[in-house]
PDB file of N, CA and C in Angstrom:
ATOM      1  N   TYR A   1     161.786 232.870 -82.461  1.00  0.00           N
ATOM      2  CA  TYR A   1     162.666 233.991 -82.736  1.00  0.00           C
ATOM      3  C   TYR A   1     162.444 234.493 -84.166  1.00  0.00           C
ATOM      4  N   ALA A   2     162.401 233.577 -85.104  1.00  0.00           N
ATOM      5  CA  ALA A   2     162.249 233.967 -86.511  1.00  0.00           C
ATOM      6  C   ALA A   2     160.929 234.692 -86.746  1.00  0.00           C
ATOM      7  N   LEU A   3     159.864 234.221 -86.130  1.00  0.00           N
ATOM      8  CA  LEU A   3     158.575 234.895 -86.289  1.00  0.00           C
ATOM      9  C   LEU A   3     158.634 236.299 -85.687  1.00  0.00           C
ATOM     10  N   GLY A   4     159.377 236.479 -84.608  1.00  0.00           N
ATOM     11  CA  GLY A   4     159.588 237.818 -84.049  1.00  0.00           C
ATOM     12  C   GLY A   4     160.263 238.731 -85.065  1.00  0.00           C
ATOM     13  N   GLY A   5     161.223 238.172 -85.812  1.00  0.00           N
ATOM     14  CA  GLY A   5     161.882 238.949 -86.863  1.00  0.00           C
ATOM     15  C   GLY A   5     160.924 239.338 -87.974  1.00  0.00           C
ATOM     16  N   VAL A   6     160.039 238.418 -88.332  1.00  0.00           N
ATOM     17  CA  VAL A   6     159.030 238.716 -89.358  1.00  0.00           C
ATOM     18  C   VAL A   6     158.073 239.796 -88.857  1.00  0.00           C
ATOM     19  N   MET A   7     157.618 239.643 -87.613  1.00  0.00           N
ATOM     20  CA  MET A   7     156.704 240.636 -87.040  1.00  0.00           C
ATOM     21  C   MET A   7     157.387 242.004 -86.992  1.00  0.00           C
ATOM     22  N   TYR A   8     158.642 242.030 -86.601  1.00  0.00           N
ATOM     23  CA  TYR A   8     159.411 243.276 -86.543  1.00  0.00           C
ATOM     24  C   TYR A   8     159.450 243.936 -87.927  1.00  0.00           C
ATOM     25  N   PHE A   9     159.755 243.129 -88.944  1.00  0.00           N
ATOM     26  CA  PHE A   9     159.831 243.653 -90.309  1.00  0.00           C
ATOM     27  C   PHE A   9     158.476 244.180 -90.776  1.00  0.00           C
ATOM     28  N   LEU A  10     157.413 243.458 -90.470  1.00  0.00           N
ATOM     29  CA  LEU A  10     156.082 243.903 -90.888  1.00  0.00           C
ATOM     30  C   LEU A  10     155.713 245.237 -90.234  1.00  0.00           C
ATOM     31  N   LEU A  11     156.154 245.445 -89.008  1.00  0.00           N
ATOM     32  CA  LEU A  11     155.852 246.700 -88.315  1.00  0.00           C
ATOM     33  C   LEU A  11     156.731 247.861 -88.766  1.00  0.00           C
ATOM     34  N   THR A  12     157.987 247.573 -89.084  1.00  0.00           N
ATOM     35  CA  THR A  12     158.949 248.655 -89.337  1.00  0.00           C
ATOM     36  C   THR A  12     159.393 248.791 -90.786  1.00  0.00           C
ATOM     37  N   GLY A  13     159.237 247.725 -91.567  1.00  0.00           N
ATOM     38  CA  GLY A  13     159.744 247.742 -92.935  1.00  0.00           C
ATOM     39  C   GLY A  13     161.238 247.468 -92.997  1.00  0.00           C
ATOM     40  N   ARG A  14     161.822 247.099 -91.858  1.00  0.00           N
ATOM     41  CA  ARG A  14     163.261 246.817 -91.788  1.00  0.00           C
ATOM     42  C   ARG A  14     163.490 245.605 -90.890  1.00  0.00           C
ATOM     43  N   PRO A  15     164.580 244.879 -91.119  1.00  0.00           N
ATOM     44  CA  PRO A  15     164.891 243.778 -90.204  1.00  0.00           C
ATOM     45  C   PRO A  15     165.363 244.337 -88.861  1.00  0.00           C
ATOM     46  N   PRO A  16     165.336 243.526 -87.822  1.00  0.00           N
ATOM     47  CA  PRO A  16     165.751 244.023 -86.511  1.00  0.00           C
ATOM     48  C   PRO A  16     167.204 244.479 -86.483  1.00  0.00           C
ATOM     49  N   PHE A  17     168.049 243.857 -87.278  1.00  0.00           N
ATOM     50  CA  PHE A  17     169.471 244.216 -87.300  1.00  0.00           C
ATOM     51  C   PHE A  17     169.928 244.412 -88.733  1.00  0.00           C
ATOM     52  N   GLU A  18     170.725 245.425 -88.933  1.00  0.00           N
ATOM     53  CA  GLU A  18     171.349 245.680 -90.233  1.00  0.00           C
ATOM     54  C   GLU A  18     172.827 245.942 -89.962  1.00  0.00           C
ATOM     55  N   ARG A  19     173.664 245.103 -90.508  1.00  0.00           N
ATOM     56  CA  ARG A  19     175.103 245.233 -90.309  1.00  0.00           C
ATOM     57  C   ARG A  19     175.805 245.080 -91.652  1.00  0.00           C
ATOM     58  N   ASP A  20     177.063 245.515 -91.712  1.00  0.00           N
ATOM     59  CA  ASP A  20     177.826 245.481 -92.958  1.00  0.00           C
ATOM     60  C   ASP A  20     178.345 244.098 -93.320  1.00  0.00           C
ATOM     61  N   THR A  21     178.597 243.259 -92.326  1.00  0.00           N
ATOM     62  CA  THR A  21     179.125 241.926 -92.613  1.00  0.00           C
ATOM     63  C   THR A  21     178.226 240.870 -91.984  1.00  0.00           C
ATOM     64  N   LEU A  22     178.307 239.671 -92.514  1.00  0.00           N
ATOM     65  CA  LEU A  22     177.531 238.558 -91.991  1.00  0.00           C
ATOM     66  C   LEU A  22     177.946 238.246 -90.550  1.00  0.00           C
ATOM     67  N   VAL A  23     179.228 238.324 -90.268  1.00  0.00           N
ATOM     68  CA  VAL A  23     179.714 238.059 -88.911  1.00  0.00           C
ATOM     69  C   VAL A  23     179.111 239.073 -87.938  1.00  0.00           C
ATOM     70  N   ASP A  24     179.106 240.352 -88.309  1.00  0.00           N
ATOM     71  CA  ASP A  24     178.528 241.380 -87.441  1.00  0.00           C
ATOM     72  C   ASP A  24     177.020 241.193 -87.288  1.00  0.00           C
ATOM     73  N   LEU A  25     176.367 240.779 -88.353  1.00  0.00           N
ATOM     74  CA  LEU A  25     174.927 240.540 -88.298  1.00  0.00           C
ATOM     75  C   LEU A  25     174.614 239.381 -87.348  1.00  0.00           C
ATOM     76  N   CYS A  26     175.351 238.294 -87.469  1.00  0.00           N
ATOM     77  CA  CYS A  26     175.145 237.148 -86.576  1.00  0.00           C
ATOM     78  C   CYS A  26     175.440 237.532 -85.128  1.00  0.00           C
ATOM     79  N   ALA A  27     176.493 238.306 -84.920  1.00  0.00           N
ATOM     80  CA  ALA A  27     176.836 238.750 -83.561  1.00  0.00           C
ATOM     81  C   ALA A  27     175.711 239.587 -82.965  1.00  0.00           C
ATOM     82  N   ALA A  28     175.106 240.448 -83.770  1.00  0.00           N
ATOM     83  CA  ALA A  28     173.996 241.273 -83.280  1.00  0.00           C
ATOM     84  C   ALA A  28     172.820 240.391 -82.878  1.00  0.00           C
ATOM     85  N   HIS A  29     172.511 239.400 -83.695  1.00  0.00           N
ATOM     86  CA  HIS A  29     171.405 238.495 -83.357  1.00  0.00           C
ATOM     87  C   HIS A  29     171.697 237.718 -82.070  1.00  0.00           C
ATOM     88  N   LEU A  30     172.944 237.437 -81.824  1.00  0.00           N
ATOM     89  CA  LEU A  30     173.300 236.659 -80.637  1.00  0.00           C
ATOM     90  C   LEU A  30     173.382 237.492 -79.364  1.00  0.00           C
ATOM     91  N   SER A  31     173.746 238.777 -79.487  1.00  0.00           N
ATOM     92  CA  SER A  31     174.067 239.495 -78.252  1.00  0.00           C
ATOM     93  C   SER A  31     173.513 240.908 -78.112  1.00  0.00           C
ATOM     94  N   THR A  32     172.952 241.486 -79.150  1.00  0.00           N
ATOM     95  CA  THR A  32     172.502 242.874 -79.087  1.00  0.00           C
ATOM     96  C   THR A  32     170.978 242.956 -79.037  1.00  0.00           C
ATOM     97  N   PRO A  33     170.422 243.687 -78.084  1.00  0.00           N
ATOM     98  CA  PRO A  33     168.967 243.879 -78.104  1.00  0.00           C
ATOM     99  C   PRO A  33     168.566 244.685 -79.348  1.00  0.00           C
ATOM    100  N   PRO A  34     167.477 244.317 -80.010  1.00  0.00           N
ATOM    101  CA  PRO A  34     167.070 245.077 -81.189  1.00  0.00           C
ATOM    102  C   PRO A  34     166.519 246.441 -80.781  1.00  0.00           C
ATOM    103  N   PRO A  35     166.608 247.421 -81.677  1.00  0.00           N
ATOM    104  CA  PRO A  35     165.945 248.705 -81.412  1.00  0.00           C
ATOM    105  C   PRO A  35     164.442 248.475 -81.284  1.00  0.00           C
ATOM    106  N   SER A  36     163.793 249.271 -80.482  1.00  0.00           N
ATOM    107  CA  SER A  36     162.349 249.089 -80.322  1.00  0.00           C
ATOM    108  C   SER A  36     161.650 249.354 -81.649  1.00  0.00           C
ATOM    109  N   PRO A  37     160.656 248.542 -81.986  1.00  0.00           N
ATOM    110  CA  PRO A  37     159.926 248.771 -83.229  1.00  0.00           C
ATOM    111  C   PRO A  37     159.334 250.182 -83.316  1.00  0.00           C
ATOM    112  N   SER A  38     158.862 250.717 -82.203  1.00  0.00           N
ATOM    113  CA  SER A  38     158.242 252.047 -82.246  1.00  0.00           C
ATOM    114  C   SER A  38     159.237 253.132 -82.630  1.00  0.00           C
ATOM    115  N   ALA A  39     160.530 252.900 -82.387  1.00  0.00           N
ATOM    116  CA  ALA A  39     161.547 253.882 -82.768  1.00  0.00           C
ATOM    117  C   ALA A  39     161.814 253.867 -84.270  1.00  0.00           C
ATOM    118  N   ARG A  40     161.409 252.799 -84.952  1.00  0.00           N
ATOM    119  CA  ARG A  40     161.717 252.658 -86.378  1.00  0.00           C
ATOM    120  C   ARG A  40     160.481 252.576 -87.267  1.00  0.00           C
ATOM    121  N   ALA A  41     159.315 252.369 -86.679  1.00  0.00           N
ATOM    122  CA  ALA A  41     158.100 252.165 -87.467  1.00  0.00           C
ATOM    123  C   ALA A  41     157.581 253.486 -88.034  1.00  0.00           C
ATOM    124  N   PRO A  42     156.974 253.435 -89.217  1.00  0.00           N
ATOM    125  CA  PRO A  42     156.419 254.652 -89.819  1.00  0.00           C
ATOM    126  C   PRO A  42     155.116 255.114 -89.168  1.00  0.00           C
ATOM    127  N   MET A  43     154.539 254.282 -88.307  1.00  0.00           N
ATOM    128  CA  MET A  43     153.303 254.643 -87.617  1.00  0.00           C
ATOM    129  C   MET A  43     153.399 254.142 -86.185  1.00  0.00           C
ATOM    130  N   PRO A  44     152.524 254.604 -85.308  1.00  0.00           N
ATOM    131  CA  PRO A  44     152.595 254.155 -83.913  1.00  0.00           C
ATOM    132  C   PRO A  44     152.431 252.639 -83.780  1.00  0.00           C
ATOM    133  N   VAL A  45     153.193 252.071 -82.859  1.00  0.00           N
ATOM    134  CA  VAL A  45     153.110 250.641 -82.561  1.00  0.00           C
ATOM    135  C   VAL A  45     152.500 250.508 -81.166  1.00  0.00           C
ATOM    136  N   PRO A  46     151.395 249.778 -81.047  1.00  0.00           N
ATOM    137  CA  PRO A  46     150.816 249.587 -79.714  1.00  0.00           C
ATOM    138  C   PRO A  46     151.846 249.011 -78.744  1.00  0.00           C
ATOM    139  N   ALA A  47     151.858 249.529 -77.528  1.00  0.00           N
ATOM    140  CA  ALA A  47     152.870 249.143 -76.539  1.00  0.00           C
ATOM    141  C   ALA A  47     152.868 247.647 -76.256  1.00  0.00           C
ATOM    142  N   GLY A  48     151.689 247.046 -76.137  1.00  0.00           N
ATOM    143  CA  GLY A  48     151.620 245.614 -75.867  1.00  0.00           C
ATOM    144  C   GLY A  48     152.198 244.794 -77.000  1.00  0.00           C
ATOM    145  N   LEU A  49     151.929 245.194 -78.224  1.00  0.00           N
ATOM    146  CA  LEU A  49     152.470 244.484 -79.386  1.00  0.00           C
ATOM    147  C   LEU A  49     153.980 244.631 -79.431  1.00  0.00           C
ATOM    148  N   GLU A  50     154.463 245.815 -79.151  1.00  0.00           N
ATOM    149  CA  GLU A  50     155.916 246.025 -79.145  1.00  0.00           C
ATOM    150  C   GLU A  50     156.588 245.122 -78.100  1.00  0.00           C
ATOM    151  N   ARG A  51     156.020 245.056 -76.906  1.00  0.00           N
ATOM    152  CA  ARG A  51     156.595 244.185 -75.871  1.00  0.00           C
ATOM    153  C   ARG A  51     156.609 242.729 -76.328  1.00  0.00           C
ATOM    154  N   LEU A  52     155.538 242.292 -76.984  1.00  0.00           N
ATOM    155  CA  LEU A  52     155.467 240.910 -77.441  1.00  0.00           C
ATOM    156  C   LEU A  52     156.486 240.638 -78.546  1.00  0.00           C
ATOM    157  N   VAL A  53     156.626 241.544 -79.491  1.00  0.00           N
ATOM    158  CA  VAL A  53     157.618 241.364 -80.562  1.00  0.00           C
ATOM    159  C   VAL A  53     159.016 241.275 -79.957  1.00  0.00           C
ATOM    160  N   LEU A  54     159.321 242.168 -79.029  1.00  0.00           N
ATOM    161  CA  LEU A  54     160.643 242.137 -78.399  1.00  0.00           C
ATOM    162  C   LEU A  54     160.827 240.869 -77.569  1.00  0.00           C
ATOM    163  N   ARG A  55     159.754 240.380 -76.970  1.00  0.00           N
ATOM    164  CA  ARG A  55     159.831 239.109 -76.241  1.00  0.00           C
ATOM    165  C   ARG A  55     160.143 237.970 -77.202  1.00  0.00           C
ATOM    166  N   CYS A  56     159.550 237.988 -78.388  1.00  0.00           N
ATOM    167  CA  CYS A  56     159.841 236.962 -79.399  1.00  0.00           C
ATOM    168  C   CYS A  56     161.303 237.015 -79.837  1.00  0.00           C
ATOM    169  N   LEU A  57     161.902 238.186 -79.754  1.00  0.00           N
ATOM    170  CA  LEU A  57     163.300 238.355 -80.161  1.00  0.00           C
ATOM    171  C   LEU A  57     164.276 238.246 -78.997  1.00  0.00           C
ATOM    172  N   ALA A  58     163.796 237.789 -77.846  1.00  0.00           N
ATOM    173  CA  ALA A  58     164.673 237.620 -76.687  1.00  0.00           C
ATOM    174  C   ALA A  58     165.807 236.656 -77.033  1.00  0.00           C
ATOM    175  N   LYS A  59     166.962 236.929 -76.495  1.00  0.00           N
ATOM    176  CA  LYS A  59     168.129 236.081 -76.774  1.00  0.00           C
ATOM    177  C   LYS A  59     167.977 234.692 -76.147  1.00  0.00           C
ATOM    178  N   ARG A  60     167.414 234.637 -74.967  1.00  0.00           N
ATOM    179  CA  ARG A  60     167.243 233.362 -74.266  1.00  0.00           C
ATOM    180  C   ARG A  60     165.903 232.740 -74.655  1.00  0.00           C
ATOM    181  N   ALA A  61     165.943 231.515 -75.129  1.00  0.00           N
ATOM    182  CA  ALA A  61     164.729 230.828 -75.612  1.00  0.00           C
ATOM    183  C   ALA A  61     163.644 230.770 -74.545  1.00  0.00           C
ATOM    184  N   GLU A  62     164.020 230.606 -73.292  1.00  0.00           N
ATOM    185  CA  GLU A  62     163.008 230.498 -72.238  1.00  0.00           C
ATOM    186  C   GLU A  62     162.275 231.814 -71.991  1.00  0.00           C
ATOM    187  N   GLU A  63     162.767 232.909 -72.523  1.00  0.00           N
ATOM    188  CA  GLU A  63     162.089 234.198 -72.391  1.00  0.00           C
ATOM    189  C   GLU A  63     161.098 234.450 -73.527  1.00  0.00           C
ATOM    190  N   ARG A  64     161.166 233.627 -74.579  1.00  0.00           N
ATOM    191  CA  ARG A  64     160.267 233.769 -75.727  1.00  0.00           C
ATOM    192  C   ARG A  64     159.019 232.920 -75.516  1.00  0.00           C
ATOM    193  N   PRO A  65     157.935 233.208 -76.251  1.00  0.00           N
ATOM    194  CA  PRO A  65     156.765 232.321 -76.176  1.00  0.00           C
ATOM    195  C   PRO A  65     157.199 230.887 -76.479  1.00  0.00           C
ATOM    196  N   ALA A  66     156.669 229.949 -75.728  1.00  0.00           N
ATOM    197  CA  ALA A  66     157.117 228.558 -75.807  1.00  0.00           C
ATOM    198  C   ALA A  66     156.640 227.820 -77.055  1.00  0.00           C
ATOM    199  N   SER A  67     155.590 228.335 -77.706  1.00  0.00           N
ATOM    200  CA  SER A  67     155.027 227.645 -78.866  1.00  0.00           C
ATOM    201  C   SER A  67     154.223 228.641 -79.696  1.00  0.00           C
ATOM    202  N   ALA A  68     153.824 228.205 -80.877  1.00  0.00           N
ATOM    203  CA  ALA A  68     152.956 229.041 -81.712  1.00  0.00           C
ATOM    204  C   ALA A  68     151.634 229.297 -80.997  1.00  0.00           C
ATOM    205  N   GLU A  69     151.146 228.292 -80.293  1.00  0.00           N
ATOM    206  CA  GLU A  69     149.896 228.456 -79.545  1.00  0.00           C
ATOM    207  C   GLU A  69     150.065 229.493 -78.436  1.00  0.00           C
ATOM    208  N   ALA A  70     151.202 229.480 -77.748  1.00  0.00           N
ATOM    209  CA  ALA A  70     151.453 230.470 -76.692  1.00  0.00           C
ATOM    210  C   ALA A  70     151.518 231.873 -77.284  1.00  0.00           C
ATOM    211  N   LEU A  71     152.123 232.002 -78.454  1.00  0.00           N
ATOM    212  CA  LEU A  71     152.179 233.300 -79.121  1.00  0.00           C
ATOM    213  C   LEU A  71     150.783 233.742 -79.533  1.00  0.00           C
ATOM    214  N   ARG A  72     150.011 232.831 -80.065  1.00  0.00           N
ATOM    215  CA  ARG A  72     148.633 233.147 -80.463  1.00  0.00           C
ATOM    216  C   ARG A  72     147.833 233.654 -79.261  1.00  0.00           C
ATOM    217  N   GLU A  73     147.960 232.976 -78.145  1.00  0.00           N
ATOM    218  CA  GLU A  73     147.232 233.397 -76.946  1.00  0.00           C
ATOM    219  C   GLU A  73     147.729 234.745 -76.440  1.00  0.00           C
ATOM    220  N   ALA A  74     149.024 234.976 -76.515  1.00  0.00           N
ATOM    221  CA  ALA A  74     149.570 236.278 -76.099  1.00  0.00           C
ATOM    222  C   ALA A  74     149.030 237.391 -77.001  1.00  0.00           C
ATOM    223  N   LEU A  75     148.932 237.124 -78.293  1.00  0.00           N
ATOM    224  CA  LEU A  75     148.368 238.114 -79.214  1.00  0.00           C
ATOM    225  C   LEU A  75     146.898 238.368 -78.891  1.00  0.00           C
ATOM    226  N   ARG A  76     146.167 237.313 -78.592  1.00  0.00           N
ATOM    227  CA  ARG A  76     144.746 237.468 -78.276  1.00  0.00           C
ATOM    228  C   ARG A  76     144.526 238.263 -76.990  1.00  0.00           C
ATOM    229  N   ARG A  77     145.467 238.192 -76.058  1.00  0.00           N
ATOM    230  CA  ARG A  77     145.330 238.913 -74.791  1.00  0.00           C
ATOM    231  C   ARG A  77     145.674 240.399 -74.906  1.00  0.00           C
ATOM    232  N   LEU A  78     146.303 240.802 -76.004  1.00  0.00           N
ATOM    233  CA  LEU A  78     146.648 242.220 -76.162  1.00  0.00           C
ATOM    234  C   LEU A  78     145.365 243.032 -76.244  1.00  0.00           C
ATOM    235  N   ASP A  79     145.296 244.089 -75.458  1.00  0.00           N
ATOM    236  CA  ASP A  79     144.068 244.886 -75.442  1.00  0.00           C
ATOM    237  C   ASP A  79     144.213 246.217 -76.164  1.00  0.00           C
ATOM    238  N   ASP A  80     145.384 246.465 -76.763  1.00  0.00           N
ATOM    239  CA  ASP A  80     145.577 247.756 -77.417  1.00  0.00           C
ATOM    240  C   ASP A  80     145.682 247.641 -78.940  1.00  0.00           C
ATOM    241  N   LEU A  81     145.101 246.574 -79.508  1.00  0.00           N
ATOM    242  CA  LEU A  81     145.170 246.368 -80.958  1.00  0.00           C
ATOM    243  C   LEU A  81     143.878 246.706 -81.683  1.00  0.00           C
ATOM    244  N   GLY A  82     142.870 247.105 -80.958  1.00  0.00           N
ATOM    245  CA  GLY A  82     141.579 247.359 -81.580  1.00  0.00           C
ATOM    246  C   GLY A  82     140.729 246.113 -81.498  1.00  0.00           C
ATOM    247  N   PRO A  83     139.659 246.046 -82.301  1.00  0.00           N
ATOM    248  CA  PRO A  83     138.749 244.896 -82.228  1.00  0.00           C
ATOM    249  C   PRO A  83     139.481 243.582 -82.516  1.00  0.00           C
ATOM    250  N   ALA A  84     139.122 242.551 -81.776  1.00  0.00           N
ATOM    251  CA  ALA A  84     139.747 241.242 -81.952  1.00  0.00           C
ATOM    252  C   ALA A  84     139.393 240.666 -83.313  1.00  0.00           C
ATOM    253  N   TRP A  85     140.363 239.983 -83.899  1.00  0.00           N
ATOM    254  CA  TRP A  85     140.164 239.287 -85.165  1.00  0.00           C
ATOM    255  C   TRP A  85     139.796 237.866 -84.810  1.00  0.00           C
ATOM    256  N   THR A  86     138.603 237.448 -85.135  1.00  0.00           N
ATOM    257  CA  THR A  86     138.119 236.128 -84.746  1.00  0.00           C
ATOM    258  C   THR A  86     138.560 235.061 -85.746  1.00  0.00           C
ATOM    259  N   ASP A  87     138.353 233.803 -85.372  1.00  0.00           N
ATOM    260  CA  ASP A  87     138.625 232.709 -86.308  1.00  0.00           C
ATOM    261  C   ASP A  87     137.763 232.847 -87.559  1.00  0.00           C
ATOM    262  N   ALA A  88     136.532 233.338 -87.400  1.00  0.00           N
ATOM    263  CA  ALA A  88     135.651 233.553 -88.561  1.00  0.00           C
ATOM    264  C   ALA A  88     136.219 234.646 -89.466  1.00  0.00           C
ATOM    265  N   ASP A  89     136.780 235.719 -88.867  1.00  0.00           N
ATOM    266  CA  ASP A  89     137.419 236.772 -89.666  1.00  0.00           C
ATOM    267  C   ASP A  89     138.592 236.199 -90.467  1.00  0.00           C
ATOM    268  N   ALA A  90     139.396 235.367 -89.805  1.00  0.00           N
ATOM    269  CA  ALA A  90     140.545 234.759 -90.483  1.00  0.00           C
ATOM    270  C   ALA A  90     140.090 233.857 -91.619  1.00  0.00           C
ATOM    271  N   ALA A  91     139.069 233.048 -91.369  1.00  0.00           N
ATOM    272  CA  ALA A  91     138.552 232.152 -92.415  1.00  0.00           C
ATOM    273  C   ALA A  91     138.030 232.945 -93.599  1.00  0.00           C
ATOM    274  N   ALA A  92     137.337 234.054 -93.323  1.00  0.00           N
ATOM    275  CA  ALA A  92     136.811 234.890 -94.415  1.00  0.00           C
ATOM    276  C   ALA A  92     137.956 235.512 -95.207  1.00  0.00           C
ATOM    277  N   TRP A  93     139.017 235.946 -94.505  1.00  0.00           N
ATOM    278  CA  TRP A  93     140.160 236.539 -95.200  1.00  0.00           C
ATOM    279  C   TRP A  93     140.807 235.514 -96.117  1.00  0.00           C
ATOM    280  N   TRP A  94     141.027 234.288 -95.602  1.00  0.00           N
ATOM    281  CA  TRP A  94     141.650 233.258 -96.423  1.00  0.00           C
ATOM    282  C   TRP A  94     140.759 232.873 -97.597  1.00  0.00           C
ATOM    283  N   GLU A  95     139.464 232.859 -97.391  1.00  0.00           N
ATOM    284  CA  GLU A  95     138.536 232.560 -98.484  1.00  0.00           C
ATOM    285  C   GLU A  95     138.653 233.606 -99.580  1.00  0.00           C
ATOM    286  N   ALA A  96     138.756 234.875 -99.199  1.00  0.00           N
ATOM    287  CA  ALA A  96     138.830 235.970-100.168  1.00  0.00           C
ATOM    288  C   ALA A  96     140.210 236.111-100.800  1.00  0.00           C
ATOM    289  N   HIS A  97     141.282 235.835-100.051  1.00  0.00           N
ATOM    290  CA  HIS A  97     142.632 236.156-100.522  1.00  0.00           C
ATOM    291  C   HIS A  97     143.570 234.966-100.622  1.00  0.00           C
ATOM    292  N   GLY A  98     143.140 233.820-100.172  1.00  0.00           N
ATOM    293  CA  GLY A  98     144.027 232.664-100.131  1.00  0.00           C
ATOM    294  C   GLY A  98     144.631 232.290-101.463  1.00  0.00           C
ATOM    295  N   THR A  99     143.872 232.447-102.549  1.00  0.00           N
ATOM    296  CA  THR A  99     144.421 232.075-103.856  1.00  0.00           C
ATOM    297  C   THR A  99     145.584 232.985-104.242  1.00  0.00           C
ATOM    298  N   MET A 100     145.577 234.232-103.788  1.00  0.00           N
ATOM    299  CA  MET A 100     146.704 235.130-104.080  1.00  0.00           C
ATOM    300  C   MET A 100     147.940 234.690-103.316  1.00  0.00           C
ATOM    301  N   VAL A 101     147.752 234.229-102.094  1.00  0.00           N
ATOM    302  CA  VAL A 101     148.872 233.815-101.261  1.00  0.00           C
ATOM    303  C   VAL A 101     149.442 232.494-101.751  1.00  0.00           C
ATOM    304  N   HIS A 102     148.593 231.608-102.203  1.00  0.00           N
ATOM    305  CA  HIS A 102     149.013 230.281-102.624  1.00  0.00           C
ATOM    306  C   HIS A 102     149.097 230.137-104.138  1.00  0.00           C
ATOM    307  N   ARG A 103     149.221 231.238-104.840  1.00  0.00           N
ATOM    308  CA  ARG A 103     149.306 231.201-106.295  1.00  0.00           C
ATOM    309  C   ARG A 103     150.568 230.443-106.705  1.00  0.00           C
ATOM    310  N   PRO A 104     150.458 229.473-107.618  1.00  0.00           N
ATOM    311  CA  PRO A 104     151.652 228.734-108.047  1.00  0.00           C
ATOM    312  C   PRO A 104     152.621 229.647-108.792  1.00  0.00           C
ATOM    313  N   ALA A 105     153.885 229.323-108.701  1.00  0.00           N
ATOM    314  CA  ALA A 105     154.912 230.089-109.409  1.00  0.00           C
ATOM    315  C   ALA A 105     154.657 230.010-110.905  1.00  0.00           C
ATOM    316  N   GLU A 106     155.039 231.039-111.622  1.00  0.00           N
ATOM    317  CA  GLU A 106     154.829 231.076-113.064  1.00  0.00           C
ATOM    318  C   GLU A 106     155.532 229.877-113.709  1.00  0.00           C
ATOM    319  N   GLY A 107     154.844 229.214-114.590  1.00  0.00           N
ATOM    320  CA  GLY A 107     155.402 228.065-115.303  1.00  0.00           C
ATOM    321  C   GLY A 107     155.181 226.748-114.581  1.00  0.00           C
ATOM    322  N   THR A 108     154.545 226.786-113.413  1.00  0.00           N
ATOM    323  CA  THR A 108     154.254 225.538-112.703  1.00  0.00           C
ATOM    324  C   THR A 108     152.779 225.258-112.765  1.00  0.00           C
ATOM    325  N   LYS A 109     152.411 224.021-112.517  1.00  0.00           N
ATOM    326  CA  LYS A 109     151.005 223.639-112.541  1.00  0.00           C
ATOM    327  C   LYS A 109     150.414 223.821-111.149  1.00  0.00           C
ATOM    328  N   PRO A 110     149.166 224.290-111.077  1.00  0.00           N
ATOM    329  CA  PRO A 110     148.518 224.398-109.768  1.00  0.00           C
ATOM    330  C   PRO A 110     148.350 223.028-109.146  1.00  0.00           C
ATOM    331  N   ARG A 111     148.307 222.987-107.815  1.00  0.00           N
ATOM    332  CA  ARG A 111     148.088 221.711-107.113  1.00  0.00           C
ATOM    333  C   ARG A 111     146.643 221.379-107.064  1.00  0.00           C
TER     334      ARG A 111
END
């Protein structure tokens, strides 16, 4: 569910729910379907990706991908995302950018 929220935010620039109080926000997460990402995103969202994000945000756990591996496979099966990103592409990205992602906080020593 949480990863669905992250994916939603990355696509739209907003969280799936915005409410005035914490109680209302929690209630929305428990019982309200989120608005479709395509209705809020600044650019088109592929239909398959939108369905998967909304599936990740399903209220019932059994309706969501059962594991990170299941989500990974569902993403790989999407045919409307353009060219597939291979494991080699991911490794190259981490090689080029990993130090930026794992940069130690200011004032701390690197690991």
